[in-house]
Amino acid sequence: MDEKTCPVTTTLGIIGGRWTLLILRDLFSGTRRFGELRKSLSGISPRTLSARLKFLEQEGIVERKVYAEVPPRVEYSLTARGRTLGRIIEGLKDWGREHSGAKE
């Protein structure tokens, strides 16, 4: 199986970027505004957060909703496709709980 047809490579191409899993983790808790995500993700730059959200939106994982208000309000939430990643997020949580502090 080459890299272009490998399902693991395809998945990691979407969710493997730095910060991406943490952004998804936060969005699984519900709709968030940019500032809420930024506060939750200590250390992420606004530019990086914006780029990751834009990429996830292009991939059909995240939906961006802009409200015609002053100042403008923008909210991010998972699409139906994005919610299918829940199994992966839950699997990572379970693995982390099971192996936290484990020495090999």
PDB file of N, CA and C in Angstrom:
ATOM      1  N   MET A   1       0.861  -1.177   0.000  1.00  0.00           N
ATOM      2  CA  MET A   1       0.000   0.000   0.000  1.00  0.00           C
ATOM      3  C   MET A   1       0.903   1.235   0.000  1.00  0.00           C
ATOM      4  N   ASP A   2       0.679   2.123  -0.934  1.00  0.00           N
ATOM      5  CA  ASP A   2       1.501   3.324  -0.965  1.00  0.00           C
ATOM      6  C   ASP A   2       0.886   4.422  -0.100  1.00  0.00           C
ATOM      7  N   GLU A   3       1.665   5.496   0.074  1.00  0.00           N
ATOM      8  CA  GLU A   3       1.244   6.586   0.958  1.00  0.00           C
ATOM      9  C   GLU A   3      -0.073   7.214   0.539  1.00  0.00           C
ATOM     10  N   LYS A   4      -0.337   7.281  -0.756  1.00  0.00           N
ATOM     11  CA  LYS A   4      -1.548   7.941  -1.245  1.00  0.00           C
ATOM     12  C   LYS A   4      -2.816   7.155  -0.964  1.00  0.00           C
ATOM     13  N   THR A   5      -2.702   5.839  -0.786  1.00  0.00           N
ATOM     14  CA  THR A   5      -3.889   5.031  -0.538  1.00  0.00           C
ATOM     15  C   THR A   5      -3.986   4.532   0.889  1.00  0.00           C
ATOM     16  N   CYS A   6      -3.006   4.827   1.706  1.00  0.00           N
ATOM     17  CA  CYS A   6      -3.002   4.358   3.086  1.00  0.00           C
ATOM     18  C   CYS A   6      -4.010   5.165   3.910  1.00  0.00           C
ATOM     19  N   PRO A   7      -5.015   4.519   4.501  1.00  0.00           N
ATOM     20  CA  PRO A   7      -6.013   5.241   5.280  1.00  0.00           C
ATOM     21  C   PRO A   7      -5.432   5.939   6.512  1.00  0.00           C
ATOM     22  N   VAL A   8      -4.385   5.382   7.092  1.00  0.00           N
ATOM     23  CA  VAL A   8      -3.766   6.026   8.252  1.00  0.00           C
ATOM     24  C   VAL A   8      -3.105   7.328   7.815  1.00  0.00           C
ATOM     25  N   THR A   9      -2.428   7.303   6.683  1.00  0.00           N
ATOM     26  CA  THR A   9      -1.799   8.514   6.160  1.00  0.00           C
ATOM     27  C   THR A   9      -2.846   9.570   5.840  1.00  0.00           C
ATOM     28  N   THR A  10      -3.953   9.155   5.257  1.00  0.00           N
ATOM     29  CA  THR A  10      -5.042  10.082   4.944  1.00  0.00           C
ATOM     30  C   THR A  10      -5.568  10.744   6.209  1.00  0.00           C
ATOM     31  N   THR A  11      -5.819   9.945   7.237  1.00  0.00           N
ATOM     32  CA  THR A  11      -6.345  10.470   8.500  1.00  0.00           C
ATOM     33  C   THR A  11      -5.347  11.418   9.152  1.00  0.00           C
ATOM     34  N   LEU A  12      -4.092  11.001   9.217  1.00  0.00           N
ATOM     35  CA  LEU A  12      -3.076  11.853   9.837  1.00  0.00           C
ATOM     36  C   LEU A  12      -2.839  13.133   9.046  1.00  0.00           C
ATOM     37  N   GLY A  13      -3.057  13.082   7.746  1.00  0.00           N
ATOM     38  CA  GLY A  13      -2.942  14.288   6.939  1.00  0.00           C
ATOM     39  C   GLY A  13      -3.950  15.350   7.347  1.00  0.00           C
ATOM     40  N   ILE A  14      -5.065  14.913   7.895  1.00  0.00           N
ATOM     41  CA  ILE A  14      -6.100  15.851   8.342  1.00  0.00           C
ATOM     42  C   ILE A  14      -5.951  16.202   9.820  1.00  0.00           C
ATOM     43  N   ILE A  15      -5.766  15.218  10.665  1.00  0.00           N
ATOM     44  CA  ILE A  15      -5.775  15.498  12.115  1.00  0.00           C
ATOM     45  C   ILE A  15      -4.395  15.497  12.755  1.00  0.00           C
ATOM     46  N   GLY A  16      -3.350  15.240  11.968  1.00  0.00           N
ATOM     47  CA  GLY A  16      -2.012  15.091  12.539  1.00  0.00           C
ATOM     48  C   GLY A  16      -1.244  16.380  12.755  1.00  0.00           C
ATOM     49  N   GLY A  17      -1.795  17.503  12.320  1.00  0.00           N
ATOM     50  CA  GLY A  17      -1.091  18.768  12.496  1.00  0.00           C
ATOM     51  C   GLY A  17      -1.034  19.186  13.957  1.00  0.00           C
ATOM     52  N   ARG A  18       0.017  19.924  14.280  1.00  0.00           N
ATOM     53  CA  ARG A  18       0.169  20.398  15.654  1.00  0.00           C
ATOM     54  C   ARG A  18      -1.059  21.203  16.058  1.00  0.00           C
ATOM     55  N   TRP A  19      -1.593  20.965  17.221  1.00  0.00           N
ATOM     56  CA  TRP A  19      -2.757  21.625  17.808  1.00  0.00           C
ATOM     57  C   TRP A  19      -4.096  21.069  17.317  1.00  0.00           C
ATOM     58  N   THR A  20      -4.113  20.361  16.201  1.00  0.00           N
ATOM     59  CA  THR A  20      -5.388  19.965  15.608  1.00  0.00           C
ATOM     60  C   THR A  20      -6.225  19.097  16.545  1.00  0.00           C
ATOM     61  N   LEU A  21      -5.627  18.096  17.138  1.00  0.00           N
ATOM     62  CA  LEU A  21      -6.400  17.222  18.033  1.00  0.00           C
ATOM     63  C   LEU A  21      -6.935  17.994  19.245  1.00  0.00           C
ATOM     64  N   LEU A  22      -6.173  18.959  19.726  1.00  0.00           N
ATOM     65  CA  LEU A  22      -6.644  19.744  20.870  1.00  0.00           C
ATOM     66  C   LEU A  22      -7.779  20.681  20.468  1.00  0.00           C
ATOM     67  N   ILE A  23      -7.729  21.211  19.260  1.00  0.00           N
ATOM     68  CA  ILE A  23      -8.835  22.025  18.755  1.00  0.00           C
ATOM     69  C   ILE A  23     -10.084  21.154  18.650  1.00  0.00           C
ATOM     70  N   LEU A  24      -9.931  19.970  18.081  1.00  0.00           N
ATOM     71  CA  LEU A  24     -11.069  19.052  17.957  1.00  0.00           C
ATOM     72  C   LEU A  24     -11.607  18.659  19.323  1.00  0.00           C
ATOM     73  N   ARG A  25     -10.715  18.385  20.263  1.00  0.00           N
ATOM     74  CA  ARG A  25     -11.141  18.048  21.634  1.00  0.00           C
ATOM     75  C   ARG A  25     -12.056  19.121  22.181  1.00  0.00           C
ATOM     76  N   ASP A  26     -11.667  20.380  22.008  1.00  0.00           N
ATOM     77  CA  ASP A  26     -12.479  21.493  22.516  1.00  0.00           C
ATOM     78  C   ASP A  26     -13.809  21.594  21.791  1.00  0.00           C
ATOM     79  N   LEU A  27     -13.807  21.370  20.495  1.00  0.00           N
ATOM     80  CA  LEU A  27     -15.046  21.485  19.730  1.00  0.00           C
ATOM     81  C   LEU A  27     -16.003  20.329  19.997  1.00  0.00           C
ATOM     82  N   PHE A  28     -15.495  19.205  20.490  1.00  0.00           N
ATOM     83  CA  PHE A  28     -16.388  18.114  20.881  1.00  0.00           C
ATOM     84  C   PHE A  28     -17.221  18.495  22.103  1.00  0.00           C
ATOM     85  N   SER A  29     -16.778  19.498  22.842  1.00  0.00           N
ATOM     86  CA  SER A  29     -17.555  19.986  23.993  1.00  0.00           C
ATOM     87  C   SER A  29     -18.658  20.944  23.552  1.00  0.00           C
ATOM     88  N   GLY A  30     -18.624  21.376  22.289  1.00  0.00           N
ATOM     89  CA  GLY A  30     -19.651  22.275  21.772  1.00  0.00           C
ATOM     90  C   GLY A  30     -19.051  23.409  20.969  1.00  0.00           C
ATOM     91  N   THR A  31     -19.929  24.264  20.485  1.00  0.00           N
ATOM     92  CA  THR A  31     -19.533  25.407  19.671  1.00  0.00           C
ATOM     93  C   THR A  31     -18.654  26.349  20.486  1.00  0.00           C
ATOM     94  N   ARG A  32     -17.617  26.864  19.842  1.00  0.00           N
ATOM     95  CA  ARG A  32     -16.682  27.767  20.520  1.00  0.00           C
ATOM     96  C   ARG A  32     -16.388  28.974  19.643  1.00  0.00           C
ATOM     97  N   ARG A  33     -16.113  30.076  20.292  1.00  0.00           N
ATOM     98  CA  ARG A  33     -15.634  31.268  19.603  1.00  0.00           C
ATOM     99  C   ARG A  33     -14.113  31.217  19.566  1.00  0.00           C
ATOM    100  N   PHE A  34     -13.538  32.003  18.666  1.00  0.00           N
ATOM    101  CA  PHE A  34     -12.088  32.010  18.474  1.00  0.00           C
ATOM    102  C   PHE A  34     -11.368  32.280  19.792  1.00  0.00           C
ATOM    103  N   GLY A  35     -11.805  33.293  20.525  1.00  0.00           N
ATOM    104  CA  GLY A  35     -11.162  33.648  21.791  1.00  0.00           C
ATOM    105  C   GLY A  35     -11.240  32.537  22.818  1.00  0.00           C
ATOM    106  N   GLU A  36     -12.344  31.806  22.835  1.00  0.00           N
ATOM    107  CA  GLU A  36     -12.484  30.686  23.771  1.00  0.00           C
ATOM    108  C   GLU A  36     -11.485  29.583  23.440  1.00  0.00           C
ATOM    109  N   LEU A  37     -11.347  29.304  22.150  1.00  0.00           N
ATOM    110  CA  LEU A  37     -10.378  28.285  21.743  1.00  0.00           C
ATOM    111  C   LEU A  37      -8.957  28.724  22.094  1.00  0.00           C
ATOM    112  N   ARG A  38      -8.659  29.971  21.840  1.00  0.00           N
ATOM    113  CA  ARG A  38      -7.317  30.486  22.109  1.00  0.00           C
ATOM    114  C   ARG A  38      -6.976  30.396  23.594  1.00  0.00           C
ATOM    115  N   LYS A  39      -7.925  30.743  24.455  1.00  0.00           N
ATOM    116  CA  LYS A  39      -7.685  30.653  25.904  1.00  0.00           C
ATOM    117  C   LYS A  39      -7.460  29.210  26.334  1.00  0.00           C
ATOM    118  N   SER A  40      -8.229  28.304  25.769  1.00  0.00           N
ATOM    119  CA  SER A  40      -8.129  26.898  26.140  1.00  0.00           C
ATOM    120  C   SER A  40      -6.811  26.273  25.694  1.00  0.00           C
ATOM    121  N   LEU A  41      -6.279  26.765  24.585  1.00  0.00           N
ATOM    122  CA  LEU A  41      -5.067  26.197  23.993  1.00  0.00           C
ATOM    123  C   LEU A  41      -3.871  27.074  24.344  1.00  0.00           C
ATOM    124  N   SER A  42      -3.469  27.017  25.554  1.00  0.00           N
ATOM    125  CA  SER A  42      -2.375  27.848  26.041  1.00  0.00           C
ATOM    126  C   SER A  42      -1.124  27.645  25.184  1.00  0.00           C
ATOM    127  N   GLY A  43      -0.629  28.755  24.641  1.00  0.00           N
ATOM    128  CA  GLY A  43       0.596  28.689  23.851  1.00  0.00           C
ATOM    129  C   GLY A  43       0.383  28.758  22.353  1.00  0.00           C
ATOM    130  N   ILE A  44      -0.839  28.610  21.888  1.00  0.00           N
ATOM    131  CA  ILE A  44      -1.080  28.681  20.444  1.00  0.00           C
ATOM    132  C   ILE A  44      -1.152  30.146  20.021  1.00  0.00           C
ATOM    133  N   SER A  45      -0.559  30.453  18.885  1.00  0.00           N
ATOM    134  CA  SER A  45      -0.626  31.828  18.383  1.00  0.00           C
ATOM    135  C   SER A  45      -1.940  32.015  17.630  1.00  0.00           C
ATOM    136  N   PRO A  46      -2.443  33.236  17.583  1.00  0.00           N
ATOM    137  CA  PRO A  46      -3.675  33.481  16.828  1.00  0.00           C
ATOM    138  C   PRO A  46      -3.536  33.070  15.354  1.00  0.00           C
ATOM    139  N   ARG A  47      -2.362  33.307  14.800  1.00  0.00           N
ATOM    140  CA  ARG A  47      -2.128  32.950  13.396  1.00  0.00           C
ATOM    141  C   ARG A  47      -2.230  31.441  13.184  1.00  0.00           C
ATOM    142  N   THR A  48      -1.638  30.667  14.086  1.00  0.00           N
ATOM    143  CA  THR A  48      -1.687  29.212  13.974  1.00  0.00           C
ATOM    144  C   THR A  48      -3.107  28.705  14.160  1.00  0.00           C
ATOM    145  N   LEU A  49      -3.805  29.220  15.162  1.00  0.00           N
ATOM    146  CA  LEU A  49      -5.187  28.801  15.399  1.00  0.00           C
ATOM    147  C   LEU A  49      -6.047  29.103  14.179  1.00  0.00           C
ATOM    148  N   SER A  50      -5.889  30.281  13.632  1.00  0.00           N
ATOM    149  CA  SER A  50      -6.648  30.670  12.449  1.00  0.00           C
ATOM    150  C   SER A  50      -6.355  29.738  11.270  1.00  0.00           C
ATOM    151  N   ALA A  51      -5.092  29.417  11.068  1.00  0.00           N
ATOM    152  CA  ALA A  51      -4.693  28.533   9.965  1.00  0.00           C
ATOM    153  C   ALA A  51      -5.258  27.126  10.147  1.00  0.00           C
ATOM    154  N   ARG A  52      -5.185  26.605  11.373  1.00  0.00           N
ATOM    155  CA  ARG A  52      -5.697  25.250  11.638  1.00  0.00           C
ATOM    156  C   ARG A  52      -7.208  25.207  11.433  1.00  0.00           C
ATOM    157  N   LEU A  53      -7.922  26.229  11.934  1.00  0.00           N
ATOM    158  CA  LEU A  53      -9.377  26.268  11.763  1.00  0.00           C
ATOM    159  C   LEU A  53      -9.755  26.372  10.288  1.00  0.00           C
ATOM    160  N   LYS A  54      -9.025  27.181   9.546  1.00  0.00           N
ATOM    161  CA  LYS A  54      -9.287  27.337   8.106  1.00  0.00           C
ATOM    162  C   LYS A  54      -9.070  26.009   7.379  1.00  0.00           C
ATOM    163  N   PHE A  55      -7.994  25.306   7.727  1.00  0.00           N
ATOM    164  CA  PHE A  55      -7.715  24.005   7.113  1.00  0.00           C
ATOM    165  C   PHE A  55      -8.829  23.014   7.432  1.00  0.00           C
ATOM    166  N   LEU A  56      -9.235  22.960   8.703  1.00  0.00           N
ATOM    167  CA  LEU A  56     -10.292  22.026   9.101  1.00  0.00           C
ATOM    168  C   LEU A  56     -11.619  22.371   8.430  1.00  0.00           C
ATOM    169  N   GLU A  57     -11.858  23.647   8.205  1.00  0.00           N
ATOM    170  CA  GLU A  57     -13.059  24.066   7.493  1.00  0.00           C
ATOM    171  C   GLU A  57     -12.988  23.593   6.032  1.00  0.00           C
ATOM    172  N   GLN A  58     -11.848  23.743   5.402  1.00  0.00           N
ATOM    173  CA  GLN A  58     -11.674  23.300   4.018  1.00  0.00           C
ATOM    174  C   GLN A  58     -11.835  21.790   3.879  1.00  0.00           C
ATOM    175  N   GLU A  59     -11.470  21.057   4.921  1.00  0.00           N
ATOM    176  CA  GLU A  59     -11.579  19.595   4.910  1.00  0.00           C
ATOM    177  C   GLU A  59     -12.988  19.121   5.271  1.00  0.00           C
ATOM    178  N   GLY A  60     -13.872  20.047   5.606  1.00  0.00           N
ATOM    179  CA  GLY A  60     -15.242  19.673   5.956  1.00  0.00           C
ATOM    180  C   GLY A  60     -15.389  19.135   7.366  1.00  0.00           C
ATOM    181  N   ILE A  61     -14.431  19.445   8.232  1.00  0.00           N
ATOM    182  CA  ILE A  61     -14.431  18.959   9.612  1.00  0.00           C
ATOM    183  C   ILE A  61     -15.072  19.990  10.540  1.00  0.00           C
ATOM    184  N   VAL A  62     -14.825  21.256  10.269  1.00  0.00           N
ATOM    185  CA  VAL A  62     -15.293  22.357  11.114  1.00  0.00           C
ATOM    186  C   VAL A  62     -16.156  23.295  10.277  1.00  0.00           C
ATOM    187  N   GLU A  63     -17.194  23.808  10.916  1.00  0.00           N
ATOM    188  CA  GLU A  63     -18.058  24.800  10.286  1.00  0.00           C
ATOM    189  C   GLU A  63     -17.839  26.143  10.972  1.00  0.00           C
ATOM    190  N   ARG A  64     -17.742  27.177  10.175  1.00  0.00           N
ATOM    191  CA  ARG A  64     -17.550  28.539  10.674  1.00  0.00           C
ATOM    192  C   ARG A  64     -18.822  29.318  10.405  1.00  0.00           C
ATOM    193  N   LYS A  65     -19.373  29.906  11.456  1.00  0.00           N
ATOM    194  CA  LYS A  65     -20.602  30.682  11.309  1.00  0.00           C
ATOM    195  C   LYS A  65     -20.336  32.120  11.737  1.00  0.00           C
ATOM    196  N   VAL A  66     -20.602  33.043  10.824  1.00  0.00           N
ATOM    197  CA  VAL A  66     -20.374  34.460  11.082  1.00  0.00           C
ATOM    198  C   VAL A  66     -21.724  35.128  11.299  1.00  0.00           C
ATOM    199  N   TYR A  67     -21.835  35.878  12.394  1.00  0.00           N
ATOM    200  CA  TYR A  67     -23.057  36.604  12.709  1.00  0.00           C
ATOM    201  C   TYR A  67     -22.879  38.074  12.333  1.00  0.00           C
ATOM    202  N   ALA A  68     -23.901  38.634  11.719  1.00  0.00           N
ATOM    203  CA  ALA A  68     -23.856  40.043  11.297  1.00  0.00           C
ATOM    204  C   ALA A  68     -24.139  40.941  12.492  1.00  0.00           C
ATOM    205  N   GLU A  69     -23.142  41.099  13.319  1.00  0.00           N
ATOM    206  CA  GLU A  69     -23.232  41.925  14.521  1.00  0.00           C
ATOM    207  C   GLU A  69     -22.032  42.856  14.551  1.00  0.00           C
ATOM    208  N   VAL A  70     -22.110  43.846  15.389  1.00  0.00           N
ATOM    209  CA  VAL A  70     -20.965  44.737  15.595  1.00  0.00           C
ATOM    210  C   VAL A  70     -20.611  44.669  17.068  1.00  0.00           C
ATOM    211  N   PRO A  71     -19.418  44.212  17.437  1.00  0.00           N
ATOM    212  CA  PRO A  71     -18.406  43.631  16.548  1.00  0.00           C
ATOM    213  C   PRO A  71     -18.858  42.264  16.024  1.00  0.00           C
ATOM    214  N   PRO A  72     -18.284  41.811  14.900  1.00  0.00           N
ATOM    215  CA  PRO A  72     -18.685  40.525  14.325  1.00  0.00           C
ATOM    216  C   PRO A  72     -18.430  39.380  15.295  1.00  0.00           C
ATOM    217  N   ARG A  73     -19.343  38.445  15.296  1.00  0.00           N
ATOM    218  CA  ARG A  73     -19.195  37.253  16.139  1.00  0.00           C
ATOM    219  C   ARG A  73     -19.025  36.063  15.210  1.00  0.00           C
ATOM    220  N   VAL A  74     -18.000  35.260  15.471  1.00  0.00           N
ATOM    221  CA  VAL A  74     -17.725  34.074  14.657  1.00  0.00           C
ATOM    222  C   VAL A  74     -17.671  32.880  15.597  1.00  0.00           C
ATOM    223  N   GLU A  75     -18.394  31.824  15.233  1.00  0.00           N
ATOM    224  CA  GLU A  75     -18.401  30.608  16.045  1.00  0.00           C
ATOM    225  C   GLU A  75     -17.968  29.421  15.191  1.00  0.00           C
ATOM    226  N   TYR A  76     -17.317  28.482  15.850  1.00  0.00           N
ATOM    227  CA  TYR A  76     -16.834  27.280  15.197  1.00  0.00           C
ATOM    228  C   TYR A  76     -17.476  26.067  15.843  1.00  0.00           C
ATOM    229  N   SER A  77     -17.865  25.133  15.011  1.00  0.00           N
ATOM    230  CA  SER A  77     -18.441  23.885  15.510  1.00  0.00           C
ATOM    231  C   SER A  77     -18.057  22.758  14.565  1.00  0.00           C
ATOM    232  N   LEU A  78     -18.246  21.539  15.023  1.00  0.00           N
ATOM    233  CA  LEU A  78     -17.942  20.378  14.195  1.00  0.00           C
ATOM    234  C   LEU A  78     -19.076  20.127  13.214  1.00  0.00           C
ATOM    235  N   THR A  79     -18.726  19.696  12.027  1.00  0.00           N
ATOM    236  CA  THR A  79     -19.712  19.248  11.057  1.00  0.00           C
ATOM    237  C   THR A  79     -20.062  17.796  11.371  1.00  0.00           C
ATOM    238  N   ALA A  80     -21.002  17.242  10.638  1.00  0.00           N
ATOM    239  CA  ALA A  80     -21.321  15.812  10.803  1.00  0.00           C
ATOM    240  C   ALA A  80     -20.072  14.974  10.522  1.00  0.00           C
ATOM    241  N   ARG A  81     -19.319  15.356   9.504  1.00  0.00           N
ATOM    242  CA  ARG A  81     -18.075  14.633   9.193  1.00  0.00           C
ATOM    243  C   ARG A  81     -17.082  14.759  10.346  1.00  0.00           C
ATOM    244  N   GLY A  82     -16.981  15.951  10.911  1.00  0.00           N
ATOM    245  CA  GLY A  82     -16.075  16.166  12.034  1.00  0.00           C
ATOM    246  C   GLY A  82     -16.445  15.331  13.250  1.00  0.00           C
ATOM    247  N   ARG A  83     -17.739  15.186  13.490  1.00  0.00           N
ATOM    248  CA  ARG A  83     -18.182  14.398  14.650  1.00  0.00           C
ATOM    249  C   ARG A  83     -17.812  12.922  14.514  1.00  0.00           C
ATOM    250  N   THR A  84     -17.606  12.450  13.278  1.00  0.00           N
ATOM    251  CA  THR A  84     -17.204  11.048  13.118  1.00  0.00           C
ATOM    252  C   THR A  84     -15.809  10.792  13.667  1.00  0.00           C
ATOM    253  N   LEU A  85     -15.050  11.851  13.922  1.00  0.00           N
ATOM    254  CA  LEU A  85     -13.721  11.689  14.520  1.00  0.00           C
ATOM    255  C   LEU A  85     -13.795  11.404  16.023  1.00  0.00           C
ATOM    256  N   GLY A  86     -14.994  11.410  16.574  1.00  0.00           N
ATOM    257  CA  GLY A  86     -15.170  11.159  18.005  1.00  0.00           C
ATOM    258  C   GLY A  86     -14.565   9.851  18.468  1.00  0.00           C
ATOM    259  N   ARG A  87     -14.667   8.830  17.638  1.00  0.00           N
ATOM    260  CA  ARG A  87     -14.087   7.518  18.010  1.00  0.00           C
ATOM    261  C   ARG A  87     -12.583   7.625  18.215  1.00  0.00           C
ATOM    262  N   ILE A  88     -11.939   8.414  17.368  1.00  0.00           N
ATOM    263  CA  ILE A  88     -10.489   8.576  17.475  1.00  0.00           C
ATOM    264  C   ILE A  88     -10.139   9.338  18.747  1.00  0.00           C
ATOM    265  N   ILE A  89     -10.847  10.435  18.995  1.00  0.00           N
ATOM    266  CA  ILE A  89     -10.598  11.247  20.193  1.00  0.00           C
ATOM    267  C   ILE A  89     -10.832  10.420  21.449  1.00  0.00           C
ATOM    268  N   GLU A  90     -11.936   9.677  21.493  1.00  0.00           N
ATOM    269  CA  GLU A  90     -12.227   8.839  22.661  1.00  0.00           C
ATOM    270  C   GLU A  90     -11.175   7.754  22.830  1.00  0.00           C
ATOM    271  N   GLY A  91     -10.726   7.166  21.729  1.00  0.00           N
ATOM    272  CA  GLY A  91      -9.675   6.149  21.796  1.00  0.00           C
ATOM    273  C   GLY A  91      -8.379   6.713  22.357  1.00  0.00           C
ATOM    274  N   LEU A  92      -8.032   7.930  21.950  1.00  0.00           N
ATOM    275  CA  LEU A  92      -6.828   8.573  22.483  1.00  0.00           C
ATOM    276  C   LEU A  92      -6.977   8.873  23.974  1.00  0.00           C
ATOM    277  N   LYS A  93      -8.159   9.327  24.372  1.00  0.00           N
ATOM    278  CA  LYS A  93      -8.404   9.578  25.811  1.00  0.00           C
ATOM    279  C   LYS A  93      -8.269   8.288  26.612  1.00  0.00           C
ATOM    280  N   ASP A  94      -8.891   7.225  26.107  1.00  0.00           N
ATOM    281  CA  ASP A  94      -8.833   5.939  26.814  1.00  0.00           C
ATOM    282  C   ASP A  94      -7.398   5.445  26.932  1.00  0.00           C
ATOM    283  N   TRP A  95      -6.652   5.530  25.834  1.00  0.00           N
ATOM    284  CA  TRP A  95      -5.269   5.085  25.859  1.00  0.00           C
ATOM    285  C   TRP A  95      -4.466   5.910  26.856  1.00  0.00           C
ATOM    286  N   GLY A  96      -4.669   7.228  26.844  1.00  0.00           N
ATOM    287  CA  GLY A  96      -3.951   8.104  27.767  1.00  0.00           C
ATOM    288  C   GLY A  96      -4.253   7.792  29.222  1.00  0.00           C
ATOM    289  N   ARG A  97      -5.535   7.531  29.513  1.00  0.00           N
ATOM    290  CA  ARG A  97      -5.904   7.170  30.897  1.00  0.00           C
ATOM    291  C   ARG A  97      -5.238   5.864  31.315  1.00  0.00           C
ATOM    292  N   GLU A  98      -5.252   4.920  30.410  1.00  0.00           N
ATOM    293  CA  GLU A  98      -4.713   3.580  30.705  1.00  0.00           C
ATOM    294  C   GLU A  98      -3.196   3.591  30.867  1.00  0.00           C
ATOM    295  N   HIS A  99      -2.531   4.456  30.122  1.00  0.00           N
ATOM    296  CA  HIS A  99      -1.070   4.411  30.100  1.00  0.00           C
ATOM    297  C   HIS A  99      -0.386   5.621  30.713  1.00  0.00           C
ATOM    298  N   SER A 100      -1.123   6.504  31.323  1.00  0.00           N
ATOM    299  CA  SER A 100      -0.474   7.674  31.923  1.00  0.00           C
ATOM    300  C   SER A 100       0.412   7.212  33.066  1.00  0.00           C
ATOM    301  N   GLY A 101       1.620   7.668  33.025  1.00  0.00           N
ATOM    302  CA  GLY A 101       2.583   7.295  34.069  1.00  0.00           C
ATOM    303  C   GLY A 101       3.197   5.925  33.873  1.00  0.00           C
ATOM    304  N   ALA A 102       2.809   5.241  32.809  1.00  0.00           N
ATOM    305  CA  ALA A 102       3.341   3.903  32.575  1.00  0.00           C
ATOM    306  C   ALA A 102       4.799   3.982  32.131  1.00  0.00           C
ATOM    307  N   LYS A 103       5.611   3.088  32.646  1.00  0.00           N
ATOM    308  CA  LYS A 103       7.025   3.035  32.262  1.00  0.00           C
ATOM    309  C   LYS A 103       7.265   1.749  31.503  1.00  0.00           C
ATOM    310  N   GLU A 104       7.943   1.926  30.385  1.00  0.00           N
ATOM    311  CA  GLU A 104       8.236   0.727  29.570  1.00  0.00           C
ATOM    312  C   GLU A 104       9.717   0.539  29.455  1.00  0.00           C
TER     313      GLU A 104
END
